[in-house]
Amino acid sequence: MGIDHSPESTASTAAPDETARVPQARQGRIFTARSIAFVVFCGILGYLALALFPLLAGPDSSPRPATEVAVQPMSPAPAPSTPIPTPSETASVQGPPGPPAAPPQRLVYPAAGIDVVVHPLEPSGDDRATQTIVPPPTMDGYWLAPYGMPGEGSVNTTYVAGHSWQDQEAPFNRLSTKAAAGDRLTVTTAIGEVAYRVDSVTTYVKSGLKDSPIWQVVPNRLVLISCYTDDLWGTNVVVVASPEAPAPASQ
């Protein structure tokens, strides 16, 4: 059989190949479009995941301190020769003779597992305006300098504040769990040591702390303040202690 090489025969033979290539080209374009759409979709998911991660993760869980102290209007402690304002605002804790009043430098509270350095803390102008003091974010204690000092001749209460920490063990956390009336503790100054016995352990709503009796002028008294670990952001724990006579020397 002869082969017809006429133009009509050649065109009819090539047509099926052209028809086969058309669907393949369309499939390639469809595949490329789907790939682009998939990449864009993944990019959108990645953006949403980053944007929503803080909300999904909840509050910052890193350890952080949680203590602020609401105080009454602050003024420098009066000199020993200055009379106390009015008897109705003043109580007195008569302590045994001890070293002269001086700034506290260390607090040791064995029952609560506390042995910390104490630094002076002077309130800023903002602190005075808001009647709130926030100690620096350390695990040390901070003496509120405008008030009293421990020792003989004290003219006001000595206040020491320290942070309780969220999600981290810290010395002042244990005021919430281990402090109890009758405990003994000591405050060391540059001159000597003053021994105390705990009178009470009380909690106060933070917003009401500045109106509480702890700000009554009471010479020789010691007050420790931190945040209550069961409600770090809403409640303070307050330990009140009075000077204790030293144990008699053994014969």
Protein backbone atom coordinates (compact mmCIF):
# COMPACT_ATOMS: atom_id res chain seq x y z
CA MET A 1 0.00 0.00 0.00
CA GLY A 2 1.35 3.39 -0.91
CA ILE A 3 1.58 6.28 1.57
CA ASP A 4 -0.22 9.46 0.66
CA HIS A 5 2.10 12.45 1.29
CA SER A 6 -0.42 15.04 0.31
CA PRO A 7 -0.91 18.14 2.59
CA GLU A 8 -4.37 16.96 3.54
CA SER A 9 -3.01 13.67 4.81
CA THR A 10 -0.28 15.31 6.87
CA ALA A 11 -2.65 17.75 8.60
CA SER A 12 -5.11 15.04 9.52
CA THR A 13 -2.32 12.96 11.04
CA ALA A 14 -0.90 15.84 13.22
CA ALA A 15 -4.22 17.00 14.67
CA PRO A 16 -4.45 14.33 17.40
CA ASP A 17 -1.02 15.36 18.82
CA GLU A 18 -2.04 19.02 19.10
CA THR A 19 -5.26 17.99 20.82
CA ALA A 20 -3.32 15.94 23.39
CA ARG A 21 -1.00 18.84 24.24
CA VAL A 22 -3.84 21.26 25.05
CA PRO A 23 -5.18 19.40 28.12
CA GLN A 24 -1.61 18.94 29.41
CA ALA A 25 -0.99 22.70 29.23
CA ARG A 26 -4.25 23.39 31.03
CA GLN A 27 -3.35 20.84 33.73
CA GLY A 28 0.03 22.57 34.19
CA ARG A 29 -1.63 25.94 34.65
CA ILE A 30 -4.17 24.48 37.11
CA PHE A 31 -1.39 22.80 39.11
CA THR A 32 0.59 26.06 39.26
CA ALA A 33 -2.46 28.02 40.44
CA ARG A 34 -3.18 25.45 43.14
CA SER A 35 0.44 25.57 44.31
CA ILE A 36 0.34 29.35 44.59
CA ALA A 37 -2.96 29.22 46.46
CA PHE A 38 -1.54 26.60 48.87
CA VAL A 39 1.56 28.72 49.59
CA VAL A 40 -0.57 31.83 50.19
CA PHE A 41 -2.91 29.87 52.49
CA CYS A 42 0.05 28.55 54.53
CA GLY A 43 1.42 32.08 54.81
CA ILE A 44 -1.90 33.36 56.14
CA LEU A 45 -2.04 30.54 58.70
CA GLY A 46 1.51 31.33 59.83
CA TYR A 47 0.68 35.02 60.28
CA LEU A 48 -2.46 34.24 62.26
CA ALA A 49 -0.55 31.81 64.48
CA LEU A 50 2.04 34.47 65.33
CA ALA A 51 -0.57 37.17 65.87
CA LEU A 52 -2.79 35.02 68.10
CA PHE A 53 -0.03 33.22 70.02
CA PRO A 54 -0.02 35.68 72.99
CA LEU A 55 -3.80 35.25 73.33
CA LEU A 56 -3.63 31.46 73.05
CA ALA A 57 -0.71 31.26 75.49
CA GLY A 58 -2.53 33.33 78.11
CA PRO A 59 -0.78 35.75 80.54
CA ASP A 60 2.98 35.89 80.63
CA SER A 61 4.06 32.86 82.67
CA SER A 62 7.62 33.99 83.31
CA PRO A 63 8.51 34.51 86.98
CA ARG A 64 7.77 38.05 88.09
CA PRO A 65 7.37 39.90 91.35
CA ALA A 66 3.91 40.94 92.46
CA THR A 67 4.19 43.28 95.42
CA GLU A 68 3.00 46.84 95.72
CA VAL A 69 2.35 48.57 99.01
CA ALA A 70 -0.44 51.13 99.41
CA VAL A 71 0.60 53.54 102.14
CA GLN A 72 -0.72 56.57 103.96
CA PRO A 73 0.70 60.01 103.08
CA MET A 74 4.42 59.85 103.76
CA SER A 75 6.50 62.31 105.68
CA PRO A 76 9.93 61.94 107.25
CA ALA A 77 9.96 60.28 110.65
CA PRO A 78 10.17 62.85 113.46
CA ALA A 79 13.37 63.26 115.40
CA PRO A 80 13.38 61.58 118.83
CA SER A 81 12.83 64.97 120.52
CA THR A 82 9.75 65.70 118.40
CA PRO A 83 6.50 64.89 120.23
CA ILE A 84 4.20 62.38 118.62
CA PRO A 85 1.26 64.18 116.93
CA THR A 86 -1.75 63.09 119.02
CA PRO A 87 -2.33 60.29 121.53
CA SER A 88 -5.37 59.07 119.59
CA GLU A 89 -3.13 58.20 116.63
CA THR A 90 -0.34 56.69 118.64
CA ALA A 91 0.23 53.45 120.47
CA SER A 92 3.41 52.42 122.17
CA VAL A 93 5.23 49.10 122.21
CA GLN A 94 7.55 49.17 125.19
CA GLY A 95 10.57 47.13 124.28
CA PRO A 96 13.57 46.16 126.38
CA PRO A 97 16.73 48.28 126.28
CA GLY A 98 18.61 47.60 123.09
CA PRO A 99 20.94 49.22 120.58
CA PRO A 100 20.08 52.79 119.53
CA ALA A 101 17.63 53.10 116.64
CA ALA A 102 19.34 52.70 113.27
CA PRO A 103 18.38 51.66 109.73
CA PRO A 104 17.81 47.91 109.33
CA GLN A 105 20.32 45.98 107.25
CA ARG A 106 19.24 42.36 107.55
CA LEU A 107 16.09 40.40 108.42
CA VAL A 108 16.25 36.86 109.75
CA TYR A 109 12.96 34.98 110.29
CA PRO A 110 13.83 31.30 110.87
CA ALA A 111 10.28 29.90 111.00
CA ALA A 112 9.51 31.38 107.58
CA GLY A 113 12.90 30.53 106.10
CA ILE A 114 13.75 34.19 105.51
CA ASP A 115 17.31 35.54 105.73
CA VAL A 116 17.62 38.58 103.48
CA VAL A 117 19.52 41.81 103.10
CA VAL A 118 17.41 44.91 103.75
CA HIS A 119 17.92 48.05 101.64
CA PRO A 120 16.56 51.55 102.28
CA LEU A 121 13.73 52.56 99.96
CA GLU A 122 12.95 56.24 99.51
CA PRO A 123 9.59 56.89 97.81
CA SER A 124 9.65 58.84 94.57
CA GLY A 125 7.43 61.82 93.81
CA ASP A 126 5.05 59.50 91.94
CA ASP A 127 4.98 57.12 94.94
CA ARG A 128 3.98 59.97 97.21
CA ALA A 129 1.31 61.17 94.78
CA THR A 130 -0.24 57.71 94.36
CA GLN A 131 0.43 56.59 97.96
CA THR A 132 1.82 53.36 96.56
CA ILE A 133 5.32 51.94 96.82
CA VAL A 134 6.59 49.14 94.56
CA PRO A 135 9.95 47.72 95.74
CA PRO A 136 12.64 46.97 93.14
CA PRO A 137 12.18 43.52 91.53
CA THR A 138 14.60 41.55 93.71
CA MET A 139 14.20 38.97 96.48
CA ASP A 140 15.69 41.28 99.15
CA GLY A 141 13.81 43.28 101.75
CA TYR A 142 13.19 47.03 101.51
CA TRP A 143 12.90 49.35 104.50
CA LEU A 144 10.44 52.21 103.99
CA ALA A 145 12.81 54.97 105.03
CA PRO A 146 10.28 57.76 105.78
CA TYR A 147 8.96 55.81 108.78
CA GLY A 148 10.63 54.31 111.87
CA MET A 149 13.91 52.52 112.57
CA PRO A 150 14.43 49.53 114.88
CA GLY A 151 16.13 50.10 118.21
CA GLU A 152 16.02 52.15 121.38
CA GLY A 153 14.58 55.61 120.76
CA SER A 154 12.43 54.50 117.83
CA VAL A 155 9.70 57.04 117.07
CA ASN A 156 7.59 55.07 114.60
CA THR A 157 6.91 51.60 113.23
CA THR A 158 9.63 49.98 111.13
CA TYR A 159 8.21 48.78 107.80
CA VAL A 160 9.99 46.20 105.62
CA ALA A 161 8.44 45.18 102.31
CA GLY A 162 9.49 42.43 99.94
CA HIS A 163 8.18 40.84 96.77
CA SER A 164 6.29 37.59 96.59
CA TRP A 165 6.98 36.02 93.20
CA GLN A 166 4.65 34.36 90.75
CA ASP A 167 5.69 30.83 89.65
CA GLN A 168 8.98 31.02 91.53
CA GLU A 169 10.11 30.25 95.06
CA ALA A 170 11.14 33.38 96.98
CA PRO A 171 11.75 34.26 100.66
CA PHE A 172 8.78 36.59 101.10
CA ASN A 173 6.41 34.02 99.53
CA ARG A 174 6.71 32.14 102.80
CA LEU A 175 5.08 34.92 104.82
CA SER A 176 1.82 33.63 103.28
CA THR A 177 2.37 29.99 104.22
CA LYS A 178 4.69 29.76 107.24
CA ALA A 179 4.41 32.95 109.32
CA ALA A 180 2.46 32.58 112.57
CA ALA A 181 1.85 34.44 115.80
CA GLY A 182 4.52 33.64 118.37
CA ASP A 183 7.35 33.30 115.84
CA ARG A 184 10.65 34.97 116.66
CA LEU A 185 12.73 37.03 114.26
CA THR A 186 15.61 39.47 114.38
CA VAL A 187 16.55 42.67 112.58
CA THR A 188 20.23 43.59 112.35
CA THR A 189 21.42 47.19 112.11
CA ALA A 190 24.91 48.65 111.89
CA ILE A 191 24.83 48.97 115.68
CA GLY A 192 23.33 45.67 116.84
CA GLU A 193 20.38 43.28 116.72
CA VAL A 194 16.77 43.76 117.77
CA ALA A 195 14.70 40.66 118.55
CA TYR A 196 10.96 40.50 117.86
CA ARG A 197 8.05 38.18 118.46
CA VAL A 198 5.18 38.01 115.95
CA ASP A 199 1.88 39.37 117.28
CA SER A 200 -0.31 38.72 114.24
CA VAL A 201 -0.43 37.64 110.60
CA THR A 202 -3.23 39.33 108.66
CA THR A 203 -4.31 39.78 105.04
CA TYR A 204 -5.68 43.01 103.57
CA VAL A 205 -7.23 43.84 100.23
CA LYS A 206 -4.58 45.97 98.52
CA SER A 207 -6.92 48.85 97.85
CA GLY A 208 -7.69 49.09 101.57
CA LEU A 209 -4.19 48.65 102.97
CA LYS A 210 -3.49 52.38 103.21
CA ASP A 211 -6.48 52.79 105.54
CA SER A 212 -5.58 49.85 107.78
CA PRO A 213 -4.34 50.10 111.40
CA ILE A 214 -0.80 49.10 110.42
CA TRP A 215 -0.04 52.77 109.64
CA GLN A 216 -0.77 53.90 113.17
CA VAL A 217 2.33 55.49 114.71
CA VAL A 218 3.72 52.76 117.00
CA PRO A 219 7.36 53.20 118.06
CA ASN A 220 9.39 49.98 118.28
CA ARG A 221 6.88 47.93 116.29
CA LEU A 222 7.98 45.95 113.18
CA VAL A 223 5.69 45.35 110.18
CA LEU A 224 6.54 43.07 107.26
CA ILE A 225 4.51 43.43 104.07
CA SER A 226 4.30 41.30 100.94
CA CYS A 227 1.71 40.00 98.49
CA TYR A 228 -0.45 37.10 99.56
CA THR A 229 0.46 34.12 97.37
CA ASP A 230 -3.16 32.93 97.00
CA ASP A 231 -4.08 36.31 95.46
CA LEU A 232 -0.87 38.03 94.39
CA TRP A 233 -2.54 40.89 92.56
CA GLY A 234 -5.36 41.67 94.97
CA THR A 235 -4.23 40.96 98.56
CA ASN A 236 -1.33 41.79 100.88
CA VAL A 237 -0.11 39.68 103.79
CA VAL A 238 1.06 41.68 106.82
CA VAL A 239 3.13 40.40 109.76
CA VAL A 240 3.16 42.58 112.89
CA ALA A 241 5.81 42.01 115.57
CA SER A 242 6.87 43.60 118.85
CA PRO A 243 10.32 43.77 120.47
CA GLU A 244 11.16 40.79 122.65
CA ALA A 245 13.34 40.76 125.74
CA PRO A 246 16.53 38.81 125.11
CA ALA A 247 16.77 35.42 126.78
CA PRO A 248 18.62 35.57 130.09
CA ALA A 249 22.21 34.46 129.92
CA SER A 250 22.81 30.97 131.25
CA GLN A 251 24.67 30.78 134.53
